[in-house]
Amino acid sequence: MKETFLIKISLLTVIVGIIVMYLSSRAFQPNRIKIEDISEKYNYIKISGKITEVSTSKSGTTFLKIKDETGIIDAIIFKNSVKNIDNIRAGQKVEVIGKVEKYKGKMEIIISSLQ
């Protein structure tokens, strides 16, 4: 009898945990915003746009310029921080998630996810 009760409690706990994890992952999605609205008040954001320039440094850092209908922003991908960046090219439409930072007086995105 105790074993059956413990199994039921365990299953209920697992189900509740899965539901809480799902809901919290949805709640912590970064805000999707336009480039013109990017400011220091945001920590992580999601933007969509078109890559206008791509360059890679000798150390392996990739620099992008991403444009949407409201503006252009610099975006940085540090070596080995994002998978499958070998196929990135100018003209490609992308959706990026990244950390907003100010560098030399300009806003930029340190990319953590690129699709």
N, C-alpha and C. Protein backbone atom coordinates (compact mmCIF):
# COMPACT_ATOMS: atom_id res chain seq x y z
N MET A 1 0.82 -1.19 0.00
CA MET A 1 0.00 0.00 0.00
C MET A 1 0.87 1.26 0.00
N LYS A 2 1.92 1.26 0.81
CA LYS A 2 2.81 2.41 0.85
C LYS A 2 3.51 2.61 -0.49
N GLU A 3 3.92 1.51 -1.13
CA GLU A 3 4.59 1.60 -2.43
C GLU A 3 3.68 2.23 -3.47
N THR A 4 2.44 1.83 -3.52
CA THR A 4 1.49 2.38 -4.47
C THR A 4 1.30 3.87 -4.24
N PHE A 5 1.19 4.26 -2.99
CA PHE A 5 1.04 5.66 -2.65
C PHE A 5 2.27 6.46 -3.08
N LEU A 6 3.46 5.94 -2.81
CA LEU A 6 4.70 6.61 -3.21
C LEU A 6 4.82 6.73 -4.72
N ILE A 7 4.42 5.72 -5.45
CA ILE A 7 4.46 5.76 -6.92
C ILE A 7 3.51 6.84 -7.43
N LYS A 8 2.33 6.92 -6.87
CA LYS A 8 1.37 7.93 -7.29
C LYS A 8 1.89 9.34 -7.01
N ILE A 9 2.48 9.54 -5.84
CA ILE A 9 3.05 10.84 -5.47
C ILE A 9 4.20 11.19 -6.41
N SER A 10 5.04 10.21 -6.71
CA SER A 10 6.17 10.43 -7.61
C SER A 10 5.70 10.83 -9.00
N LEU A 11 4.73 10.11 -9.53
CA LEU A 11 4.19 10.44 -10.86
C LEU A 11 3.56 11.83 -10.88
N LEU A 12 2.82 12.15 -9.86
CA LEU A 12 2.21 13.48 -9.77
C LEU A 12 3.27 14.57 -9.72
N THR A 13 4.32 14.35 -8.96
CA THR A 13 5.42 15.31 -8.85
C THR A 13 6.11 15.49 -10.20
N VAL A 14 6.35 14.41 -10.92
CA VAL A 14 6.98 14.50 -12.24
C VAL A 14 6.09 15.29 -13.20
N ILE A 15 4.82 15.00 -13.22
CA ILE A 15 3.90 15.69 -14.13
C ILE A 15 3.84 17.19 -13.81
N VAL A 16 3.72 17.52 -12.54
CA VAL A 16 3.70 18.93 -12.13
C VAL A 16 5.02 19.60 -12.51
N GLY A 17 6.14 18.91 -12.30
CA GLY A 17 7.45 19.47 -12.65
C GLY A 17 7.57 19.75 -14.14
N ILE A 18 7.10 18.85 -14.96
CA ILE A 18 7.15 19.05 -16.41
C ILE A 18 6.30 20.25 -16.81
N ILE A 19 5.13 20.37 -16.23
CA ILE A 19 4.26 21.51 -16.55
C ILE A 19 4.92 22.82 -16.13
N VAL A 20 5.50 22.86 -14.94
CA VAL A 20 6.16 24.07 -14.46
C VAL A 20 7.35 24.43 -15.37
N MET A 21 8.13 23.44 -15.76
CA MET A 21 9.27 23.70 -16.66
C MET A 21 8.79 24.25 -18.00
N TYR A 22 7.74 23.70 -18.55
CA TYR A 22 7.20 24.17 -19.83
C TYR A 22 6.73 25.62 -19.71
N LEU A 23 5.97 25.90 -18.68
CA LEU A 23 5.44 27.26 -18.51
C LEU A 23 6.55 28.27 -18.25
N SER A 24 7.54 27.89 -17.46
CA SER A 24 8.62 28.83 -17.17
C SER A 24 9.49 29.06 -18.40
N SER A 25 9.68 28.05 -19.23
CA SER A 25 10.48 28.26 -20.45
C SER A 25 9.76 29.22 -21.39
N ARG A 26 8.46 29.17 -21.45
CA ARG A 26 7.69 30.09 -22.28
C ARG A 26 7.77 31.52 -21.71
N ALA A 27 7.79 31.63 -20.40
CA ALA A 27 7.79 32.95 -19.76
C ALA A 27 9.13 33.65 -19.90
N PHE A 28 10.21 32.90 -20.06
CA PHE A 28 11.54 33.49 -20.10
C PHE A 28 12.08 33.64 -21.51
N GLN A 29 11.22 33.57 -22.51
CA GLN A 29 11.65 33.82 -23.88
C GLN A 29 12.01 35.29 -24.01
N PRO A 30 13.09 35.58 -24.74
CA PRO A 30 13.45 36.99 -24.91
C PRO A 30 12.39 37.75 -25.71
N ASN A 31 12.31 39.04 -25.47
CA ASN A 31 11.37 39.90 -26.19
C ASN A 31 11.78 40.02 -27.65
N ARG A 32 10.80 39.88 -28.55
CA ARG A 32 11.06 40.13 -29.97
C ARG A 32 10.83 41.62 -30.20
N ILE A 33 11.86 42.30 -30.67
CA ILE A 33 11.73 43.74 -30.87
C ILE A 33 12.34 44.15 -32.20
N LYS A 34 12.04 45.35 -32.59
CA LYS A 34 12.62 45.95 -33.80
C LYS A 34 13.98 46.56 -33.44
N ILE A 35 14.86 46.65 -34.42
CA ILE A 35 16.20 47.17 -34.17
C ILE A 35 16.16 48.59 -33.62
N GLU A 36 15.29 49.43 -34.12
CA GLU A 36 15.24 50.82 -33.63
C GLU A 36 14.86 50.91 -32.15
N ASP A 37 14.24 49.86 -31.60
CA ASP A 37 13.80 49.88 -30.21
C ASP A 37 14.83 49.28 -29.24
N ILE A 38 15.95 48.80 -29.76
CA ILE A 38 16.96 48.19 -28.89
C ILE A 38 17.60 49.26 -28.02
N SER A 39 17.66 48.97 -26.73
CA SER A 39 18.31 49.88 -25.78
C SER A 39 18.92 49.06 -24.65
N GLU A 40 19.61 49.76 -23.78
CA GLU A 40 20.27 49.10 -22.65
C GLU A 40 19.28 48.52 -21.63
N LYS A 41 18.02 48.90 -21.74
CA LYS A 41 17.05 48.38 -20.77
C LYS A 41 16.76 46.90 -21.00
N TYR A 42 17.11 46.38 -22.18
CA TYR A 42 16.91 44.96 -22.49
C TYR A 42 18.18 44.18 -22.17
N ASN A 43 18.00 42.98 -21.65
CA ASN A 43 19.14 42.11 -21.39
C ASN A 43 19.31 41.18 -22.59
N TYR A 44 18.35 40.30 -22.80
CA TYR A 44 18.36 39.41 -23.97
C TYR A 44 17.17 39.77 -24.85
N ILE A 45 17.41 39.73 -26.15
CA ILE A 45 16.35 40.06 -27.11
C ILE A 45 16.35 39.07 -28.26
N LYS A 46 15.29 39.13 -29.03
CA LYS A 46 15.18 38.36 -30.27
C LYS A 46 14.84 39.34 -31.38
N ILE A 47 15.60 39.29 -32.47
CA ILE A 47 15.28 40.13 -33.64
C ILE A 47 15.28 39.26 -34.89
N SER A 48 14.58 39.74 -35.89
CA SER A 48 14.58 39.11 -37.21
C SER A 48 15.05 40.15 -38.21
N GLY A 49 15.81 39.70 -39.18
CA GLY A 49 16.27 40.63 -40.20
C GLY A 49 17.09 39.93 -41.26
N LYS A 50 17.75 40.75 -42.06
CA LYS A 50 18.57 40.24 -43.15
C LYS A 50 20.02 40.62 -42.90
N ILE A 51 20.91 39.67 -43.09
CA ILE A 51 22.34 39.94 -42.94
C ILE A 51 22.79 40.78 -44.12
N THR A 52 23.43 41.92 -43.83
CA THR A 52 23.93 42.77 -44.92
C THR A 52 25.43 42.65 -45.10
N GLU A 53 26.15 42.27 -44.03
CA GLU A 53 27.60 42.10 -44.10
C GLU A 53 28.03 40.97 -43.19
N VAL A 54 29.06 40.24 -43.61
CA VAL A 54 29.65 39.18 -42.78
C VAL A 54 31.16 39.30 -42.88
N SER A 55 31.84 39.25 -41.75
CA SER A 55 33.31 39.17 -41.76
C SER A 55 33.75 38.35 -40.55
N THR A 56 34.91 37.73 -40.68
CA THR A 56 35.44 36.90 -39.60
C THR A 56 36.87 37.32 -39.32
N SER A 57 37.19 37.48 -38.05
CA SER A 57 38.53 37.88 -37.65
C SER A 57 39.46 36.66 -37.67
N LYS A 58 40.74 36.92 -37.55
CA LYS A 58 41.72 35.83 -37.51
C LYS A 58 41.50 34.93 -36.30
N SER A 59 40.95 35.49 -35.23
CA SER A 59 40.72 34.70 -34.01
C SER A 59 39.44 33.87 -34.09
N GLY A 60 38.66 34.04 -35.16
CA GLY A 60 37.45 33.24 -35.34
C GLY A 60 36.16 33.92 -34.94
N THR A 61 36.22 35.16 -34.50
CA THR A 61 35.01 35.90 -34.16
C THR A 61 34.35 36.36 -35.46
N THR A 62 33.03 36.16 -35.55
CA THR A 62 32.28 36.55 -36.74
C THR A 62 31.49 37.82 -36.43
N PHE A 63 31.58 38.78 -37.34
CA PHE A 63 30.89 40.06 -37.20
C PHE A 63 29.82 40.15 -38.29
N LEU A 64 28.61 40.50 -37.88
CA LEU A 64 27.49 40.64 -38.81
C LEU A 64 26.90 42.03 -38.69
N LYS A 65 26.31 42.48 -39.76
CA LYS A 65 25.41 43.62 -39.72
C LYS A 65 24.05 43.05 -40.11
N ILE A 66 23.06 43.30 -39.25
CA ILE A 66 21.72 42.78 -39.48
C ILE A 66 20.78 43.96 -39.63
N LYS A 67 19.92 43.87 -40.65
CA LYS A 67 19.02 44.98 -40.98
C LYS A 67 17.57 44.48 -40.94
N ASP A 68 16.71 45.30 -40.32
CA ASP A 68 15.27 45.09 -40.47
C ASP A 68 14.69 46.37 -41.06
N GLU A 69 13.38 46.49 -41.06
CA GLU A 69 12.75 47.67 -41.68
C GLU A 69 12.98 48.95 -40.89
N THR A 70 13.54 48.83 -39.67
CA THR A 70 13.71 50.02 -38.83
C THR A 70 15.16 50.44 -38.62
N GLY A 71 16.12 49.62 -39.00
CA GLY A 71 17.52 49.99 -38.78
C GLY A 71 18.50 48.86 -38.99
N ILE A 72 19.75 49.13 -38.66
CA ILE A 72 20.84 48.17 -38.80
C ILE A 72 21.57 48.10 -37.47
N ILE A 73 22.01 46.88 -37.09
CA ILE A 73 22.77 46.71 -35.84
C ILE A 73 23.93 45.76 -36.08
N ASP A 74 25.02 46.00 -35.36
CA ASP A 74 26.15 45.09 -35.38
C ASP A 74 25.84 43.91 -34.47
N ALA A 75 26.27 42.73 -34.90
CA ALA A 75 26.07 41.52 -34.10
C ALA A 75 27.36 40.72 -34.14
N ILE A 76 27.69 40.11 -33.02
CA ILE A 76 28.95 39.39 -32.88
C ILE A 76 28.68 37.95 -32.49
N ILE A 77 29.41 37.04 -33.14
CA ILE A 77 29.37 35.63 -32.76
C ILE A 77 30.80 35.23 -32.40
N PHE A 78 31.02 34.94 -31.13
CA PHE A 78 32.34 34.52 -30.71
C PHE A 78 32.59 33.07 -31.14
N LYS A 79 33.83 32.77 -31.40
CA LYS A 79 34.22 31.44 -31.88
C LYS A 79 33.64 30.36 -30.97
N ASN A 80 33.05 29.36 -31.60
CA ASN A 80 32.48 28.18 -30.93
C ASN A 80 31.28 28.48 -30.03
N SER A 81 30.67 29.66 -30.14
CA SER A 81 29.52 29.96 -29.29
C SER A 81 28.19 29.62 -29.97
N VAL A 82 28.19 29.52 -31.29
CA VAL A 82 26.98 29.19 -32.05
C VAL A 82 27.36 28.14 -33.09
N LYS A 83 26.53 27.11 -33.22
CA LYS A 83 26.80 26.04 -34.18
C LYS A 83 26.37 26.46 -35.59
N ASN A 84 26.96 25.82 -36.56
CA ASN A 84 26.57 25.96 -37.97
C ASN A 84 26.64 27.38 -38.50
N ILE A 85 27.72 28.09 -38.21
CA ILE A 85 27.84 29.44 -38.74
C ILE A 85 28.62 29.48 -40.05
N ASP A 86 29.09 28.32 -40.51
CA ASP A 86 29.86 28.29 -41.74
C ASP A 86 29.02 28.67 -42.96
N ASN A 87 27.71 28.53 -42.88
CA ASN A 87 26.83 28.81 -44.01
C ASN A 87 26.24 30.21 -43.99
N ILE A 88 26.65 31.03 -43.05
CA ILE A 88 26.12 32.39 -42.96
C ILE A 88 26.62 33.21 -44.14
N ARG A 89 25.71 33.95 -44.77
CA ARG A 89 26.09 34.78 -45.91
C ARG A 89 25.23 36.04 -45.96
N ALA A 90 25.76 37.06 -46.61
CA ALA A 90 24.99 38.30 -46.79
C ALA A 90 23.75 38.00 -47.62
N GLY A 91 22.65 38.66 -47.26
CA GLY A 91 21.38 38.46 -47.94
C GLY A 91 20.49 37.42 -47.28
N GLN A 92 21.04 36.67 -46.34
CA GLN A 92 20.30 35.62 -45.65
C GLN A 92 19.39 36.22 -44.58
N LYS A 93 18.15 35.74 -44.52
CA LYS A 93 17.23 36.16 -43.47
C LYS A 93 17.50 35.31 -42.24
N VAL A 94 17.56 35.96 -41.08
CA VAL A 94 17.88 35.26 -39.83
C VAL A 94 17.00 35.74 -38.69
N GLU A 95 16.93 34.90 -37.68
CA GLU A 95 16.34 35.27 -36.41
C GLU A 95 17.43 35.01 -35.37
N VAL A 96 17.76 36.01 -34.60
CA VAL A 96 18.83 35.86 -33.62
C VAL A 96 18.32 36.17 -32.22
N ILE A 97 18.92 35.48 -31.27
CA ILE A 97 18.71 35.77 -29.85
C ILE A 97 20.08 36.12 -29.31
N GLY A 98 20.13 37.18 -28.53
CA GLY A 98 21.42 37.56 -28.00
C GLY A 98 21.34 38.58 -26.89
N LYS A 99 22.49 38.84 -26.33
CA LYS A 99 22.63 39.79 -25.23
C LYS A 99 22.92 41.18 -25.80
N VAL A 100 22.21 42.16 -25.32
CA VAL A 100 22.40 43.54 -25.75
C VAL A 100 23.54 44.16 -24.96
N GLU A 101 24.48 44.77 -25.67
CA GLU A 101 25.58 45.47 -25.02
C GLU A 101 25.86 46.76 -25.77
N LYS A 102 26.44 47.70 -25.05
CA LYS A 102 26.85 48.96 -25.67
C LYS A 102 28.36 48.91 -25.82
N TYR A 103 28.85 49.18 -27.03
CA TYR A 103 30.29 49.14 -27.31
C TYR A 103 30.65 50.38 -28.12
N LYS A 104 31.55 51.16 -27.59
CA LYS A 104 31.98 52.41 -28.23
C LYS A 104 30.78 53.29 -28.59
N GLY A 105 29.83 53.36 -27.66
CA GLY A 105 28.68 54.23 -27.82
C GLY A 105 27.56 53.69 -28.71
N LYS A 106 27.73 52.48 -29.23
CA LYS A 106 26.70 51.90 -30.11
C LYS A 106 26.18 50.60 -29.53
N MET A 107 24.89 50.36 -29.72
CA MET A 107 24.30 49.11 -29.28
C MET A 107 24.73 47.99 -30.23
N GLU A 108 24.94 46.79 -29.66
CA GLU A 108 25.25 45.62 -30.46
C GLU A 108 24.68 44.40 -29.77
N ILE A 109 24.63 43.30 -30.50
CA ILE A 109 24.08 42.05 -29.96
C ILE A 109 25.18 41.01 -29.96
N ILE A 110 25.38 40.38 -28.81
CA ILE A 110 26.27 39.23 -28.72
C ILE A 110 25.37 38.01 -28.91
N ILE A 111 25.48 37.38 -30.06
CA ILE A 111 24.55 36.33 -30.46
C ILE A 111 24.80 35.04 -29.69
N SER A 112 23.69 34.45 -29.17
CA SER A 112 23.77 33.15 -28.52
C SER A 112 23.00 32.10 -29.30
N SER A 113 22.10 32.52 -30.18
CA SER A 113 21.33 31.58 -31.01
C SER A 113 21.05 32.26 -32.35
N LEU A 114 21.20 31.49 -33.41
CA LEU A 114 20.98 32.02 -34.76
C LEU A 114 20.22 30.97 -35.57
N GLN A 115 19.13 31.39 -36.18
CA GLN A 115 18.34 30.48 -37.03
C GLN A 115 18.07 31.13 -38.35
